[in-house]
């Protein structure tokens, strides 16, 4: 009787061990029970630095929230302000060294200067009018023809920009004459316009403005001094 009971106990232990081994053999790598023909489930590790995967160095820990960084705004669009009427004035007007032959002025070089304390820009061609002896309503606008192209000129405080005015010149001696038959005009001063910076009256440093047909060819304002 004792021998039979021992055999039964030994058989029970072997059956239990075999069942346990079969159970372990049926487990998948993920811990889910399944068969060789059943579907498998892929398990991916969290990316470094996320809450599930710890820090970026591979250790465990809590992920740090990202902080949005705003771009640094550009200052005034990266542009210097245009010159205004209070920034510039006519600094010089003289007869040009290179001018058409005749007894009139022929051509004049006009300089405008930045009289402010900050850099400003100007661009374009001047307007020109014969001054009406102190009465703006009596000014005589000259028909202007543009010569060349305009570019932006940056004027530091005290710097100058230049333009050249070439007129239909007076011919002959004495009071002279105009090839067109018109009567020559004479202006002690001219009113020179600066784009965006008003109109400024100026006299020649030598003589008066004498010209024909109320016309002028003008160059754009430039940092280069014309001859």
C-alpha atoms as a PDB file:
ATOM      1  CA  UNK A   1       0.000   0.000   0.000  1.00  0.00           C
ATOM      2  CA  UNK A   2       2.762   2.451   0.836  1.00  0.00           C
ATOM      3  CA  UNK A   3       4.603   1.604  -2.389  1.00  0.00           C
ATOM      4  CA  UNK A   4       1.480   2.225  -4.502  1.00  0.00           C
ATOM      5  CA  UNK A   5       0.810   5.548  -2.734  1.00  0.00           C
ATOM      6  CA  UNK A   6       4.394   6.641  -3.401  1.00  0.00           C
ATOM      7  CA  UNK A   7       4.018   5.810  -7.087  1.00  0.00           C
ATOM      8  CA  UNK A   8       0.818   7.858  -7.266  1.00  0.00           C
ATOM      9  CA  UNK A   9       2.482  10.844  -5.604  1.00  0.00           C
ATOM     10  CA  UNK A  10       5.489  10.613  -7.916  1.00  0.00           C
ATOM     11  CA  UNK A  11       3.193  10.411 -10.959  1.00  0.00           C
ATOM     12  CA  UNK A  12       1.255  13.485  -9.786  1.00  0.00           C
ATOM     13  CA  UNK A  13       4.477  15.486  -9.404  1.00  0.00           C
ATOM     14  CA  UNK A  14       5.657  14.495 -12.887  1.00  0.00           C
ATOM     15  CA  UNK A  15       2.285  15.421 -14.433  1.00  0.00           C
ATOM     16  CA  UNK A  16       2.343  18.837 -12.746  1.00  0.00           C
ATOM     17  CA  UNK A  17       5.909  19.464 -13.893  1.00  0.00           C
ATOM     18  CA  UNK A  18       5.043  18.496 -17.464  1.00  0.00           C
ATOM     19  CA  UNK A  19       2.032  20.805 -17.457  1.00  0.00           C
ATOM     20  CA  UNK A  20       4.136  23.692 -16.191  1.00  0.00           C
ATOM     21  CA  UNK A  21       6.755  23.079 -18.880  1.00  0.00           C
ATOM     22  CA  UNK A  22       4.085  23.020 -21.574  1.00  0.00           C
ATOM     23  CA  UNK A  23       2.644  26.290 -20.292  1.00  0.00           C
ATOM     24  CA  UNK A  24       6.054  28.012 -20.409  1.00  0.00           C
ATOM     25  CA  UNK A  25       6.710  26.672 -23.901  1.00  0.00           C
ATOM     26  CA  UNK A  26       3.451  28.218 -25.179  1.00  0.00           C
ATOM     27  CA  UNK A  27       4.318  31.822 -24.075  1.00  0.00           C
ATOM     28  CA  UNK A  28       5.359  34.424 -26.671  1.00  0.00           C
ATOM     29  CA  UNK A  29       8.294  36.850 -26.066  1.00  0.00           C
ATOM     30  CA  UNK A  30       5.758  39.504 -25.117  1.00  0.00           C
ATOM     31  CA  UNK A  31       4.268  37.408 -22.350  1.00  0.00           C
ATOM     32  CA  UNK A  32       1.061  36.624 -24.266  1.00  0.00           C
ATOM     33  CA  UNK A  33       0.108  32.990 -24.655  1.00  0.00           C
ATOM     34  CA  UNK A  34      -0.171  31.764 -28.193  1.00  0.00           C
ATOM     35  CA  UNK A  35       0.755  29.122 -30.739  1.00  0.00           C
ATOM     36  CA  UNK A  36       3.442  29.019 -33.410  1.00  0.00           C
ATOM     37  CA  UNK A  37       0.872  29.829 -36.097  1.00  0.00           C
ATOM     38  CA  UNK A  38      -0.803  32.673 -34.177  1.00  0.00           C
ATOM     39  CA  UNK A  39      -0.187  36.396 -34.826  1.00  0.00           C
ATOM     40  CA  UNK A  40       2.726  38.139 -33.131  1.00  0.00           C
ATOM     41  CA  UNK A  41       2.811  41.671 -31.716  1.00  0.00           C
ATOM     42  CA  UNK A  42       5.773  43.968 -32.238  1.00  0.00           C
ATOM     43  CA  UNK A  43       6.788  46.032 -29.253  1.00  0.00           C
ATOM     44  CA  UNK A  44       8.777  49.218 -29.893  1.00  0.00           C
ATOM     45  CA  UNK A  45      10.840  51.024 -27.329  1.00  0.00           C
ATOM     46  CA  UNK A  46       9.967  54.674 -26.715  1.00  0.00           C
ATOM     47  CA  UNK A  47      12.239  57.196 -28.403  1.00  0.00           C
ATOM     48  CA  UNK A  48      14.999  58.597 -26.199  1.00  0.00           C
ATOM     49  CA  UNK A  49      13.876  61.559 -24.165  1.00  0.00           C
ATOM     50  CA  UNK A  50      10.181  60.689 -24.134  1.00  0.00           C
ATOM     51  CA  UNK A  51       8.161  59.993 -21.028  1.00  0.00           C
ATOM     52  CA  UNK A  52       8.069  56.288 -21.654  1.00  0.00           C
ATOM     53  CA  UNK A  53      11.742  55.844 -22.508  1.00  0.00           C
ATOM     54  CA  UNK A  54      13.451  58.142 -20.045  1.00  0.00           C
ATOM     55  CA  UNK A  55      16.191  60.623 -20.826  1.00  0.00           C
ATOM     56  CA  UNK A  56      18.050  60.963 -24.117  1.00  0.00           C
ATOM     57  CA  UNK A  57      21.119  59.275 -22.595  1.00  0.00           C
ATOM     58  CA  UNK A  58      19.220  55.981 -22.329  1.00  0.00           C
ATOM     59  CA  UNK A  59      18.366  56.194 -18.636  1.00  0.00           C
ATOM     60  CA  UNK A  60      14.923  56.340 -17.178  1.00  0.00           C
ATOM     61  CA  UNK A  61      13.245  59.534 -16.075  1.00  0.00           C
ATOM     62  CA  UNK A  62      10.549  62.066 -16.903  1.00  0.00           C
ATOM     63  CA  UNK A  63      10.695  63.768 -20.289  1.00  0.00           C
ATOM     64  CA  UNK A  64      11.179  67.551 -20.237  1.00  0.00           C
ATOM     65  CA  UNK A  65       8.523  69.529 -22.114  1.00  0.00           C
ATOM     66  CA  UNK A  66       9.812  71.391 -25.186  1.00  0.00           C
ATOM     67  CA  UNK A  67       9.881  75.187 -25.028  1.00  0.00           C
ATOM     68  CA  UNK A  68       8.909  77.182 -28.136  1.00  0.00           C
ATOM     69  CA  UNK A  69      11.466  79.859 -29.017  1.00  0.00           C
ATOM     70  CA  UNK A  70      10.163  82.865 -30.954  1.00  0.00           C
ATOM     71  CA  UNK A  71      12.398  84.222 -33.736  1.00  0.00           C
ATOM     72  CA  UNK A  72      14.091  87.544 -33.096  1.00  0.00           C
ATOM     73  CA  UNK A  73      12.113  90.204 -34.949  1.00  0.00           C
ATOM     74  CA  UNK A  74      13.911  92.329 -37.543  1.00  0.00           C
ATOM     75  CA  UNK A  75      14.533  95.909 -36.501  1.00  0.00           C
ATOM     76  CA  UNK A  76      12.517  98.322 -38.688  1.00  0.00           C
ATOM     77  CA  UNK A  77      12.649  95.813 -41.517  1.00  0.00           C
ATOM     78  CA  UNK A  78      16.400  96.307 -41.743  1.00  0.00           C
ATOM     79  CA  UNK A  79      15.929  99.622 -43.608  1.00  0.00           C
ATOM     80  CA  UNK A  80      17.124 103.161 -42.959  1.00  0.00           C
ATOM     81  CA  UNK A  81      14.370 105.770 -42.961  1.00  0.00           C
ATOM     82  CA  UNK A  82      13.910 108.014 -46.017  1.00  0.00           C
ATOM     83  CA  UNK A  83      15.089 111.616 -45.771  1.00  0.00           C
ATOM     84  CA  UNK A  84      12.422 114.217 -45.001  1.00  0.00           C
ATOM     85  CA  UNK A  85      12.371 117.968 -45.574  1.00  0.00           C
ATOM     86  CA  UNK A  86      13.880 118.558 -42.141  1.00  0.00           C
ATOM     87  CA  UNK A  87      16.778 116.171 -42.782  1.00  0.00           C
ATOM     88  CA  UNK A  88      18.317 117.718 -45.895  1.00  0.00           C
ATOM     89  CA  UNK A  89      18.939 121.098 -47.508  1.00  0.00           C
ATOM     90  CA  UNK A  90      20.707 122.441 -50.582  1.00  0.00           C
ATOM     91  CA  UNK A  91      24.343 122.950 -49.590  1.00  0.00           C
ATOM     92  CA  UNK A  92      25.841 124.125 -52.861  1.00  0.00           C
ATOM     93  CA  UNK A  93      24.953 125.149 -56.423  1.00  0.00           C
ATOM     94  CA  UNK A  94      27.665 126.044 -58.916  1.00  0.00           C
ATOM     95  CA  UNK A  95      28.227 126.101 -62.643  1.00  0.00           C
ATOM     96  CA  UNK A  96      29.385 122.708 -63.889  1.00  0.00           C
ATOM     97  CA  UNK A  97      32.859 122.302 -65.329  1.00  0.00           C
ATOM     98  CA  UNK A  98      31.406 120.364 -68.265  1.00  0.00           C
ATOM     99  CA  UNK A  99      28.551 122.269 -69.902  1.00  0.00           C
ATOM    100  CA  UNK A 100      27.298 123.132 -73.399  1.00  0.00           C
ATOM    101  CA  UNK A 101      28.873 126.170 -75.064  1.00  0.00           C
ATOM    102  CA  UNK A 102      27.077 129.513 -74.937  1.00  0.00           C
ATOM    103  CA  UNK A 103      26.671 132.595 -72.793  1.00  0.00           C
ATOM    104  CA  UNK A 104      24.064 131.091 -70.464  1.00  0.00           C
ATOM    105  CA  UNK A 105      24.614 128.947 -67.414  1.00  0.00           C
ATOM    106  CA  UNK A 106      24.603 125.783 -69.527  1.00  0.00           C
ATOM    107  CA  UNK A 107      24.755 123.351 -66.604  1.00  0.00           C
ATOM    108  CA  UNK A 108      24.823 123.476 -62.826  1.00  0.00           C
ATOM    109  CA  UNK A 109      25.854 121.002 -60.132  1.00  0.00           C
ATOM    110  CA  UNK A 110      23.663 120.995 -57.026  1.00  0.00           C
ATOM    111  CA  UNK A 111      24.562 119.310 -53.743  1.00  0.00           C
ATOM    112  CA  UNK A 112      22.140 118.464 -50.945  1.00  0.00           C
ATOM    113  CA  UNK A 113      23.421 117.630 -47.454  1.00  0.00           C
ATOM    114  CA  UNK A 114      22.050 115.629 -44.540  1.00  0.00           C
ATOM    115  CA  UNK A 115      21.788 118.162 -41.713  1.00  0.00           C
ATOM    116  CA  UNK A 116      20.167 115.759 -39.238  1.00  0.00           C
ATOM    117  CA  UNK A 117      21.832 113.583 -36.617  1.00  0.00           C
ATOM    118  CA  UNK A 118      20.868 110.249 -38.182  1.00  0.00           C
ATOM    119  CA  UNK A 119      21.405 108.472 -41.486  1.00  0.00           C
ATOM    120  CA  UNK A 120      18.620 108.703 -44.055  1.00  0.00           C
ATOM    121  CA  UNK A 121      18.135 107.696 -47.668  1.00  0.00           C
ATOM    122  CA  UNK A 122      16.940 109.415 -50.806  1.00  0.00           C
ATOM    123  CA  UNK A 123      16.286 108.214 -54.335  1.00  0.00           C
ATOM    124  CA  UNK A 124      15.102 109.784 -57.538  1.00  0.00           C
ATOM    125  CA  UNK A 125      15.382 112.832 -59.744  1.00  0.00           C
ATOM    126  CA  UNK A 126      14.971 116.493 -58.813  1.00  0.00           C
ATOM    127  CA  UNK A 127      12.202 118.771 -59.935  1.00  0.00           C
ATOM    128  CA  UNK A 128      13.324 122.235 -61.001  1.00  0.00           C
ATOM    129  CA  UNK A 129      11.578 125.601 -61.121  1.00  0.00           C
ATOM    130  CA  UNK A 130      12.722 129.175 -61.559  1.00  0.00           C
ATOM    131  CA  UNK A 131      11.980 131.010 -58.309  1.00  0.00           C
ATOM    132  CA  UNK A 132       9.278 133.656 -58.538  1.00  0.00           C
ATOM    133  CA  UNK A 133      11.110 136.323 -56.523  1.00  0.00           C
ATOM    134  CA  UNK A 134       9.769 135.150 -53.181  1.00  0.00           C
ATOM    135  CA  UNK A 135       6.318 134.250 -54.450  1.00  0.00           C
ATOM    136  CA  UNK A 136       5.912 130.466 -54.847  1.00  0.00           C
ATOM    137  CA  UNK A 137       2.807 130.964 -56.969  1.00  0.00           C
ATOM    138  CA  UNK A 138       5.008 132.784 -59.496  1.00  0.00           C
ATOM    139  CA  UNK A 139       7.551 129.962 -59.757  1.00  0.00           C
ATOM    140  CA  UNK A 140       8.254 128.825 -63.328  1.00  0.00           C
ATOM    141  CA  UNK A 141       8.447 124.998 -63.484  1.00  0.00           C
ATOM    142  CA  UNK A 142      11.040 123.666 -65.912  1.00  0.00           C
ATOM    143  CA  UNK A 143      10.206 120.658 -68.072  1.00  0.00           C
ATOM    144  CA  UNK A 144      12.764 118.055 -67.053  1.00  0.00           C
ATOM    145  CA  UNK A 145      14.225 115.107 -68.951  1.00  0.00           C
ATOM    146  CA  UNK A 146      15.777 112.335 -66.849  1.00  0.00           C
ATOM    147  CA  UNK A 147      19.287 111.179 -67.636  1.00  0.00           C
ATOM    148  CA  UNK A 148      20.419 107.765 -66.362  1.00  0.00           C
ATOM    149  CA  UNK A 149      18.748 105.667 -63.675  1.00  0.00           C
ATOM    150  CA  UNK A 150      18.046 106.293 -59.997  1.00  0.00           C
ATOM    151  CA  UNK A 151      19.550 104.333 -57.112  1.00  0.00           C
ATOM    152  CA  UNK A 152      19.106 104.648 -53.356  1.00  0.00           C
ATOM    153  CA  UNK A 153      21.653 106.948 -51.724  1.00  0.00           C
ATOM    154  CA  UNK A 154      22.397 106.486 -48.016  1.00  0.00           C
ATOM    155  CA  UNK A 155      23.345 109.772 -46.392  1.00  0.00           C
ATOM    156  CA  UNK A 156      25.154 109.752 -43.061  1.00  0.00           C
ATOM    157  CA  UNK A 157      24.962 112.988 -41.042  1.00  0.00           C
ATOM    158  CA  UNK A 158      26.882 115.654 -42.963  1.00  0.00           C
ATOM    159  CA  UNK A 159      27.128 113.588 -46.175  1.00  0.00           C
ATOM    160  CA  UNK A 160      26.079 114.963 -49.570  1.00  0.00           C
ATOM    161  CA  UNK A 161      24.215 113.747 -52.633  1.00  0.00           C
ATOM    162  CA  UNK A 162      24.599 115.392 -56.038  1.00  0.00           C
ATOM    163  CA  UNK A 163      22.592 116.101 -59.165  1.00  0.00           C
ATOM    164  CA  UNK A 164      23.508 117.841 -62.414  1.00  0.00           C
ATOM    165  CA  UNK A 165      21.120 120.161 -64.242  1.00  0.00           C
ATOM    166  CA  UNK A 166      21.836 120.814 -67.923  1.00  0.00           C
ATOM    167  CA  UNK A 167      19.857 123.582 -69.605  1.00  0.00           C
ATOM    168  CA  UNK A 168      19.057 124.608 -73.151  1.00  0.00           C
ATOM    169  CA  UNK A 169      21.794 127.177 -73.313  1.00  0.00           C
ATOM    170  CA  UNK A 170      21.631 130.797 -74.343  1.00  0.00           C
ATOM    171  CA  UNK A 171      23.552 131.630 -77.531  1.00  0.00           C
ATOM    172  CA  UNK A 172      25.306 134.758 -78.767  1.00  0.00           C
ATOM    173  CA  UNK A 173      26.514 137.862 -77.033  1.00  0.00           C
ATOM    174  CA  UNK A 174      24.882 140.430 -74.792  1.00  0.00           C
ATOM    175  CA  UNK A 175      21.451 139.300 -73.705  1.00  0.00           C
ATOM    176  CA  UNK A 176      21.859 136.339 -76.056  1.00  0.00           C
ATOM    177  CA  UNK A 177      19.219 134.451 -77.941  1.00  0.00           C
ATOM    178  CA  UNK A 178      17.566 131.056 -78.066  1.00  0.00           C
ATOM    179  CA  UNK A 179      17.882 128.752 -81.068  1.00  0.00           C
ATOM    180  CA  UNK A 180      14.141 128.152 -80.801  1.00  0.00           C
ATOM    181  CA  UNK A 181      13.409 131.872 -81.123  1.00  0.00           C
ATOM    182  CA  UNK A 182      12.152 132.085 -77.518  1.00  0.00           C
ATOM    183  CA  UNK A 183      13.295 134.827 -75.192  1.00  0.00           C
ATOM    184  CA  UNK A 184      16.033 133.690 -72.790  1.00  0.00           C
ATOM    185  CA  UNK A 185      14.982 133.411 -69.140  1.00  0.00           C
ATOM    186  CA  UNK A 186      17.061 134.497 -66.163  1.00  0.00           C
ATOM    187  CA  UNK A 187      16.471 133.354 -62.575  1.00  0.00           C
ATOM    188  CA  UNK A 188      18.532 134.542 -59.591  1.00  0.00           C
ATOM    189  CA  UNK A 189      17.521 131.334 -57.765  1.00  0.00           C
ATOM    190  CA  UNK A 190      16.081 127.941 -58.572  1.00  0.00           C
ATOM    191  CA  UNK A 191      13.713 125.810 -56.484  1.00  0.00           C
ATOM    192  CA  UNK A 192      15.082 122.270 -56.497  1.00  0.00           C
ATOM    193  CA  UNK A 193      12.867 119.408 -55.377  1.00  0.00           C
ATOM    194  CA  UNK A 194      14.130 116.345 -53.494  1.00  0.00           C
ATOM    195  CA  UNK A 195      11.875 113.235 -53.646  1.00  0.00           C
ATOM    196  CA  UNK A 196      10.119 112.891 -50.297  1.00  0.00           C
ATOM    197  CA  UNK A 197      12.108 115.773 -48.804  1.00  0.00           C
ATOM    198  CA  UNK A 198      10.464 118.910 -50.088  1.00  0.00           C
ATOM    199  CA  UNK A 199      11.586 121.776 -52.350  1.00  0.00           C
ATOM    200  CA  UNK A 200      14.606 123.927 -51.540  1.00  0.00           C
ATOM    201  CA  UNK A 201      15.589 127.296 -53.000  1.00  0.00           C
ATOM    202  CA  UNK A 202      19.191 127.924 -53.993  1.00  0.00           C
ATOM    203  CA  UNK A 203      21.294 130.511 -55.801  1.00  0.00           C
ATOM    204  CA  UNK A 204      24.379 129.872 -57.874  1.00  0.00           C
ATOM    205  CA  UNK A 205      27.673 130.632 -56.175  1.00  0.00           C
ATOM    206  CA  UNK A 206      28.634 132.512 -59.374  1.00  0.00           C
ATOM    207  CA  UNK A 207      26.099 134.388 -61.468  1.00  0.00           C
ATOM    208  CA  UNK A 208      22.466 133.597 -62.236  1.00  0.00           C
ATOM    209  CA  UNK A 209      20.599 130.798 -63.956  1.00  0.00           C
ATOM    210  CA  UNK A 210      20.231 131.826 -67.624  1.00  0.00           C
ATOM    211  CA  UNK A 211      18.564 129.344 -69.977  1.00  0.00           C
ATOM    212  CA  UNK A 212      16.241 128.850 -72.914  1.00  0.00           C
ATOM    213  CA  UNK A 213      12.865 127.206 -73.399  1.00  0.00           C
ATOM    214  CA  UNK A 214      12.329 126.501 -69.665  1.00  0.00           C
ATOM    215  CA  UNK A 215      13.815 123.025 -70.048  1.00  0.00           C
ATOM    216  CA  UNK A 216      16.464 121.049 -68.180  1.00  0.00           C
ATOM    217  CA  UNK A 217      18.006 117.588 -68.330  1.00  0.00           C
ATOM    218  CA  UNK A 218      18.590 116.235 -64.805  1.00  0.00           C
ATOM    219  CA  UNK A 219      20.529 113.332 -63.348  1.00  0.00           C
ATOM    220  CA  UNK A 220      19.320 111.309 -60.353  1.00  0.00           C
ATOM    221  CA  UNK A 221      20.726 112.122 -56.930  1.00  0.00           C
ATOM    222  CA  UNK A 222      23.968 110.266 -56.458  1.00  0.00           C
ATOM    223  CA  UNK A 223      26.796 109.959 -53.957  1.00  0.00           C
ATOM    224  CA  UNK A 224      29.235 110.552 -56.847  1.00  0.00           C
ATOM    225  CA  UNK A 225      30.015 114.195 -57.544  1.00  0.00           C
ATOM    226  CA  UNK A 226      29.434 115.042 -61.252  1.00  0.00           C
ATOM    227  CA  UNK A 227      31.712 117.315 -63.256  1.00  0.00           C
END
